[in-house]
Amino acid sequence: MLRFIAQHRVLLLALLLVLIGLHLLSTGLRRQADVGFFGKAVLVVYTPIYKVLSWPFAKVADFIRGYIYLVDLRDTNENLRKQTAILKTQLAELQELRAENDRMKKLLGLQTSDPKPVANAWVIRRGEEYDFQVLIIDAGSHDGVQKGMAVVAPDGLVGYVAAVAFNASKVVMLTDVGARVDAILQRTRHRAMVFGSGKDFCTLEYLDPDADVAEGDRLVTSGMDGVFPKGIPVAQVGAVSRADFGVVQSVIVKPTANMATIEEVAVLPKPPIDAGLMP
């Protein structure tokens, strides 16, 4: 210890003088407003020394304050990230509800011109194997659904009920290779049959070869097949192929309902048939 003091006696003496001077200065400042000649001399001599000695401590204090600020800022940012994630989730939920609401409005709007639906249902399963395209919906005999009833989406015809269980039903889609729909061209009133192709389009058959048909023409159900009520949007003409002299050779149509994105459907009752008028 004595050796350390001997080696650093000059530094220790200077430090001691600084402390004594600061003590005297602070005592004088507390006792009177005017520090006097001696106090002023102490201020002149010890102020730069005080600045030099206090600089490291000031930097350490600044560092600690900066660190505390950064920690608080990090916590604030983390809280903001969590709140942002929550808001994004809520926004996605609201957007989904709004989209569902829009689809249901369209579905209800379609139903205003159609018979009152037997049931509204959700698509709970989709099957597309080979050329067979079917849906499973969560409405069955318990809800009044029967085999052969028409199934519609907000944009138009989906297909028909092929099988019914107590709480679910299988729907054959319009695009299924076995699907057939009696339809009418809205613009010209020509009647034809819409056939499923097993893909995302249908073909128009049994159309008058001289019929006036063009790309963009819309087809609706004729109501004459005993399955689909009249006036339901079915498909839109996509391409027309003609042979010599303008005779219609083939017509490709695209369903108005997007079969790949159907989520909600309505099941419609079969159209009434007056047996007394039938041959």
Protein backbone atom coordinates (compact mmCIF):
# COMPACT_ATOMS: atom_id res chain seq x y z
CA MET A 1 0.00 0.00 0.00
CA LEU A 2 2.83 2.37 0.96
CA ARG A 3 4.60 1.45 -2.24
CA PHE A 4 1.50 2.35 -4.30
CA ILE A 5 1.21 5.70 -2.49
CA ALA A 6 4.89 6.43 -3.07
CA GLN A 7 4.62 5.61 -6.78
CA HIS A 8 1.53 7.76 -7.31
CA ARG A 9 2.12 10.49 -4.72
CA VAL A 10 1.98 13.30 -7.26
CA LEU A 11 -1.35 12.17 -8.70
CA LEU A 12 -2.80 11.50 -5.28
CA LEU A 13 -1.64 14.89 -4.02
CA ALA A 14 -3.24 16.63 -6.98
CA LEU A 15 -6.46 14.74 -6.42
CA LEU A 16 -6.40 15.63 -2.73
CA LEU A 17 -5.91 19.30 -3.51
CA VAL A 18 -8.77 19.20 -5.96
CA LEU A 19 -11.07 17.62 -3.39
CA ILE A 20 -10.06 20.14 -0.73
CA GLY A 21 -10.59 22.99 -3.12
CA LEU A 22 -13.96 21.73 -4.20
CA HIS A 23 -14.96 21.26 -0.56
CA LEU A 24 -13.93 24.78 0.33
CA LEU A 25 -15.67 26.14 -2.72
CA SER A 26 -18.91 24.32 -2.02
CA THR A 27 -18.81 25.38 1.64
CA GLY A 28 -18.32 28.99 0.67
CA LEU A 29 -21.10 28.85 -1.90
CA ARG A 30 -23.50 27.47 0.67
CA ARG A 31 -22.70 30.13 3.24
CA GLN A 32 -22.82 33.24 1.07
CA ALA A 33 -23.80 34.37 -2.34
CA ASP A 34 -20.52 36.22 -3.03
CA VAL A 35 -17.66 33.72 -3.08
CA GLY A 36 -14.98 36.42 -2.67
CA PHE A 37 -11.49 36.61 -4.11
CA PHE A 38 -10.42 33.22 -2.78
CA GLY A 39 -13.53 31.52 -4.08
CA LYS A 40 -13.06 33.06 -7.48
CA ALA A 41 -9.45 31.91 -7.55
CA VAL A 42 -10.55 28.40 -6.67
CA LEU A 43 -13.13 28.52 -9.45
CA VAL A 44 -10.51 29.60 -11.96
CA VAL A 45 -8.01 26.93 -10.95
CA TYR A 46 -10.23 23.98 -10.24
CA THR A 47 -12.95 24.35 -12.88
CA PRO A 48 -10.84 22.94 -15.75
CA ILE A 49 -9.46 20.25 -13.44
CA TYR A 50 -13.00 19.34 -12.41
CA LYS A 51 -14.06 19.13 -16.02
CA VAL A 52 -11.19 16.77 -16.82
CA LEU A 53 -11.84 14.56 -13.83
CA SER A 54 -15.62 14.53 -14.27
CA TRP A 55 -15.55 13.85 -18.04
CA PRO A 56 -15.27 10.02 -17.74
CA PHE A 57 -18.07 9.95 -15.18
CA ALA A 58 -20.24 12.13 -17.45
CA LYS A 59 -19.62 9.80 -20.37
CA VAL A 60 -20.48 6.78 -18.26
CA ALA A 61 -23.66 8.51 -17.13
CA ASP A 62 -24.52 9.37 -20.74
CA PHE A 63 -23.90 5.78 -21.76
CA ILE A 64 -26.14 4.47 -19.00
CA ARG A 65 -28.89 6.92 -19.94
CA GLY A 66 -28.53 5.95 -23.61
CA TYR A 67 -28.67 2.26 -22.76
CA ILE A 68 -31.80 2.74 -20.67
CA TYR A 69 -33.34 4.72 -23.55
CA LEU A 70 -32.50 1.97 -26.05
CA VAL A 71 -33.97 -0.68 -23.76
CA ASP A 72 -37.17 1.36 -23.42
CA LEU A 73 -37.20 1.93 -27.20
CA ARG A 74 -36.75 -1.79 -27.83
CA ASP A 75 -39.63 -2.62 -25.49
CA THR A 76 -41.77 0.03 -27.18
CA ASN A 77 -40.95 -1.38 -30.63
CA GLU A 78 -41.74 -4.90 -29.46
CA ASN A 79 -45.11 -3.74 -28.12
CA LEU A 80 -45.80 -1.92 -31.39
CA ARG A 81 -44.94 -5.06 -33.38
CA LYS A 82 -47.33 -7.10 -31.26
CA GLN A 83 -50.08 -4.50 -31.66
CA THR A 84 -49.44 -4.38 -35.41
CA ALA A 85 -49.71 -8.17 -35.65
CA ILE A 86 -53.00 -8.07 -33.72
CA LEU A 87 -54.35 -5.30 -35.98
CA LYS A 88 -53.31 -7.23 -39.11
CA THR A 89 -55.15 -10.30 -37.83
CA GLN A 90 -58.25 -8.26 -37.04
CA LEU A 91 -58.07 -6.59 -40.46
CA ALA A 92 -57.85 -9.97 -42.19
CA GLU A 93 -60.87 -11.18 -40.20
CA LEU A 94 -62.84 -8.06 -41.12
CA GLN A 95 -61.91 -8.43 -44.79
CA GLU A 96 -63.03 -12.06 -44.73
CA LEU A 97 -66.33 -11.09 -43.09
CA ARG A 98 -66.85 -8.34 -45.64
CA ALA A 99 -66.13 -10.72 -48.53
CA GLU A 100 -68.52 -13.28 -47.05
CA ASN A 101 -71.14 -10.56 -46.59
CA ASP A 102 -70.76 -9.49 -50.23
CA ARG A 103 -71.15 -13.09 -51.41
CA MET A 104 -74.24 -13.59 -49.27
CA LYS A 105 -75.75 -10.36 -50.61
CA LYS A 106 -75.23 -11.62 -54.15
CA LEU A 107 -76.74 -14.96 -53.20
CA LEU A 108 -79.76 -13.27 -51.64
CA GLY A 109 -80.08 -11.02 -54.67
CA LEU A 110 -80.11 -14.05 -56.95
CA GLN A 111 -82.76 -15.67 -54.79
CA THR A 112 -85.15 -12.74 -55.10
CA SER A 113 -85.95 -13.86 -58.65
CA ASP A 114 -85.79 -17.59 -57.90
CA PRO A 115 -87.95 -19.82 -55.71
CA LYS A 116 -87.32 -19.59 -51.98
CA PRO A 117 -84.32 -21.85 -51.25
CA VAL A 118 -84.82 -25.07 -49.37
CA ALA A 119 -81.50 -24.56 -47.60
CA ASN A 120 -78.36 -22.45 -47.60
CA ALA A 121 -75.18 -24.44 -47.17
CA TRP A 122 -71.41 -24.34 -46.98
CA VAL A 123 -69.12 -26.39 -49.20
CA ILE A 124 -67.24 -28.74 -46.86
CA ARG A 125 -65.42 -30.90 -49.38
CA ARG A 126 -64.46 -30.82 -53.03
CA GLY A 127 -63.77 -33.81 -55.27
CA GLU A 128 -62.25 -33.69 -58.74
CA GLU A 129 -61.18 -37.11 -59.95
CA TYR A 130 -60.86 -37.98 -63.61
CA ASP A 131 -63.80 -36.24 -65.31
CA PHE A 132 -66.05 -36.28 -62.24
CA GLN A 133 -66.43 -32.96 -60.44
CA VAL A 134 -68.50 -32.93 -57.25
CA LEU A 135 -69.00 -30.95 -54.07
CA ILE A 136 -70.10 -32.02 -50.60
CA ILE A 137 -72.31 -29.49 -48.79
CA ASP A 138 -73.39 -29.41 -45.14
CA ALA A 139 -77.15 -29.65 -45.79
CA GLY A 140 -79.08 -32.88 -46.19
CA SER A 141 -82.47 -34.51 -45.80
CA HIS A 142 -82.76 -33.02 -42.33
CA ASP A 143 -82.77 -29.60 -44.01
CA GLY A 144 -85.27 -30.58 -46.70
CA VAL A 145 -82.73 -31.26 -49.46
CA GLN A 146 -83.79 -33.85 -52.05
CA LYS A 147 -82.05 -35.59 -54.90
CA GLY A 148 -82.29 -33.68 -58.18
CA MET A 149 -82.62 -30.20 -56.67
CA ALA A 150 -80.72 -27.32 -58.25
CA VAL A 151 -77.74 -25.77 -56.47
CA VAL A 152 -76.75 -22.15 -57.09
CA ALA A 153 -73.96 -19.79 -56.03
CA PRO A 154 -74.03 -15.96 -55.97
CA ASP A 155 -72.91 -15.82 -59.63
CA GLY A 156 -75.10 -18.54 -61.06
CA LEU A 157 -75.78 -22.24 -61.42
CA VAL A 158 -73.43 -24.71 -59.71
CA GLY A 159 -75.10 -28.04 -60.45
CA TYR A 160 -77.63 -30.43 -58.96
CA VAL A 161 -77.97 -32.69 -55.92
CA ALA A 162 -76.99 -36.25 -56.83
CA ALA A 163 -77.13 -37.94 -53.41
CA VAL A 164 -78.53 -36.98 -50.01
CA ALA A 165 -77.58 -38.01 -46.47
CA PHE A 166 -79.10 -36.83 -43.21
CA ASN A 167 -76.83 -33.80 -42.79
CA ALA A 168 -74.88 -33.60 -46.06
CA SER A 169 -75.38 -33.90 -49.80
CA LYS A 170 -73.29 -34.58 -52.89
CA VAL A 171 -73.58 -32.01 -55.67
CA VAL A 172 -72.61 -32.77 -59.27
CA MET A 173 -71.14 -29.59 -60.72
CA LEU A 174 -72.11 -28.10 -64.06
CA THR A 175 -68.63 -28.92 -65.40
CA ASP A 176 -68.89 -32.64 -64.58
CA VAL A 177 -68.70 -34.86 -67.65
CA GLY A 178 -72.17 -36.22 -66.90
CA ALA A 179 -73.90 -32.88 -66.29
CA ARG A 180 -76.65 -31.65 -68.67
CA VAL A 181 -78.58 -28.37 -68.47
CA ASP A 182 -81.42 -27.20 -70.72
CA ALA A 183 -80.58 -23.55 -71.46
CA ILE A 184 -81.59 -20.53 -73.55
CA LEU A 185 -79.43 -17.87 -75.18
CA GLN A 186 -80.63 -14.66 -73.55
CA ARG A 187 -80.05 -12.46 -76.57
CA THR A 188 -81.64 -14.61 -79.30
CA ARG A 189 -83.81 -16.98 -77.20
CA HIS A 190 -82.39 -20.03 -79.01
CA ARG A 191 -82.58 -23.17 -76.93
CA ALA A 192 -79.68 -25.61 -76.48
CA MET A 193 -78.10 -28.08 -74.05
CA VAL A 194 -75.07 -27.25 -71.93
CA PHE A 195 -72.83 -30.32 -71.49
CA GLY A 196 -70.07 -30.64 -68.87
CA SER A 197 -66.62 -31.47 -70.18
CA GLY A 198 -64.87 -32.65 -67.03
CA LYS A 199 -62.71 -29.53 -67.17
CA ASP A 200 -63.32 -25.85 -66.37
CA PHE A 201 -65.56 -25.25 -69.40
CA CYS A 202 -68.70 -26.69 -71.02
CA THR A 203 -69.91 -27.24 -74.56
CA LEU A 204 -73.17 -26.16 -76.16
CA GLU A 205 -74.99 -28.90 -78.05
CA TYR A 206 -78.29 -29.26 -79.94
CA LEU A 207 -78.16 -25.62 -81.00
CA ASP A 208 -79.83 -24.62 -84.26
CA PRO A 209 -76.99 -24.62 -86.87
CA ASP A 210 -78.26 -21.31 -88.20
CA ALA A 211 -78.59 -19.74 -84.76
CA ASP A 212 -77.20 -16.27 -84.17
CA VAL A 213 -74.63 -16.90 -81.44
CA ALA A 214 -71.58 -14.79 -80.61
CA GLU A 215 -68.80 -14.64 -78.08
CA GLY A 216 -70.04 -13.05 -74.84
CA ASP A 217 -73.65 -14.24 -75.20
CA ARG A 218 -75.15 -15.38 -71.92
CA LEU A 219 -77.14 -18.54 -71.27
CA VAL A 220 -79.79 -19.04 -68.59
CA THR A 221 -81.77 -22.08 -67.55
CA SER A 222 -84.87 -22.69 -69.65
CA GLY A 223 -86.90 -24.22 -66.81
CA MET A 224 -88.09 -26.95 -69.21
CA ASP A 225 -86.09 -29.88 -67.87
CA GLY A 226 -87.96 -30.27 -64.58
CA VAL A 227 -84.76 -29.80 -62.57
CA PHE A 228 -83.61 -26.20 -62.79
CA PRO A 229 -85.93 -23.21 -62.27
CA LYS A 230 -86.07 -20.82 -65.20
CA GLY A 231 -83.75 -17.83 -65.55
CA ILE A 232 -80.71 -18.91 -63.52
CA PRO A 233 -77.42 -17.70 -65.08
CA VAL A 234 -75.58 -20.72 -66.47
CA ALA A 235 -72.69 -19.77 -68.71
CA GLN A 236 -71.21 -17.29 -71.14
CA VAL A 237 -70.14 -18.09 -74.70
CA GLY A 238 -66.36 -18.15 -74.94
CA ALA A 239 -65.68 -19.33 -78.49
CA VAL A 240 -67.73 -20.19 -81.58
CA SER A 241 -66.46 -22.41 -84.39
CA ARG A 242 -68.30 -22.28 -87.71
CA ALA A 243 -68.20 -24.53 -90.76
CA ASP A 244 -68.88 -23.53 -94.36
CA PHE A 245 -71.62 -20.95 -95.00
CA GLY A 246 -71.48 -19.82 -91.36
CA VAL A 247 -73.08 -22.95 -89.94
CA VAL A 248 -72.35 -23.32 -86.23
CA GLN A 249 -70.04 -26.28 -85.67
CA SER A 250 -69.12 -26.05 -81.98
CA VAL A 251 -69.55 -23.62 -79.11
CA ILE A 252 -67.45 -23.44 -75.94
CA VAL A 253 -69.06 -21.81 -72.90
CA LYS A 254 -67.68 -20.79 -69.51
CA PRO A 255 -69.83 -21.21 -66.37
CA THR A 256 -70.79 -17.89 -64.79
CA ALA A 257 -70.14 -19.33 -61.33
CA ASN A 258 -66.46 -19.83 -60.56
CA MET A 259 -66.39 -23.53 -59.74
CA ALA A 260 -62.91 -23.29 -58.21
CA THR A 261 -63.83 -20.77 -55.49
CA ILE A 262 -67.37 -21.70 -54.44
CA GLU A 263 -67.89 -21.53 -50.66
CA GLU A 264 -71.59 -20.84 -50.06
CA VAL A 265 -74.51 -22.24 -52.04
CA ALA A 266 -78.30 -22.32 -51.96
CA VAL A 267 -80.40 -25.39 -52.74
CA LEU A 268 -83.55 -24.60 -54.74
CA PRO A 269 -86.72 -26.69 -54.93
CA LYS A 270 -87.60 -28.45 -58.16
CA PRO A 271 -89.81 -26.38 -60.49
CA PRO A 272 -93.50 -27.36 -60.33
CA ILE A 273 -94.83 -29.44 -63.22
CA ASP A 274 -98.55 -29.32 -63.96
CA ALA A 275 -99.31 -32.97 -64.62
CA GLY A 276 -102.64 -32.02 -66.21
CA LEU A 277 -100.86 -30.26 -69.06
CA MET A 278 -98.42 -33.07 -69.77
CA PRO A 279 -99.27 -35.50 -72.62
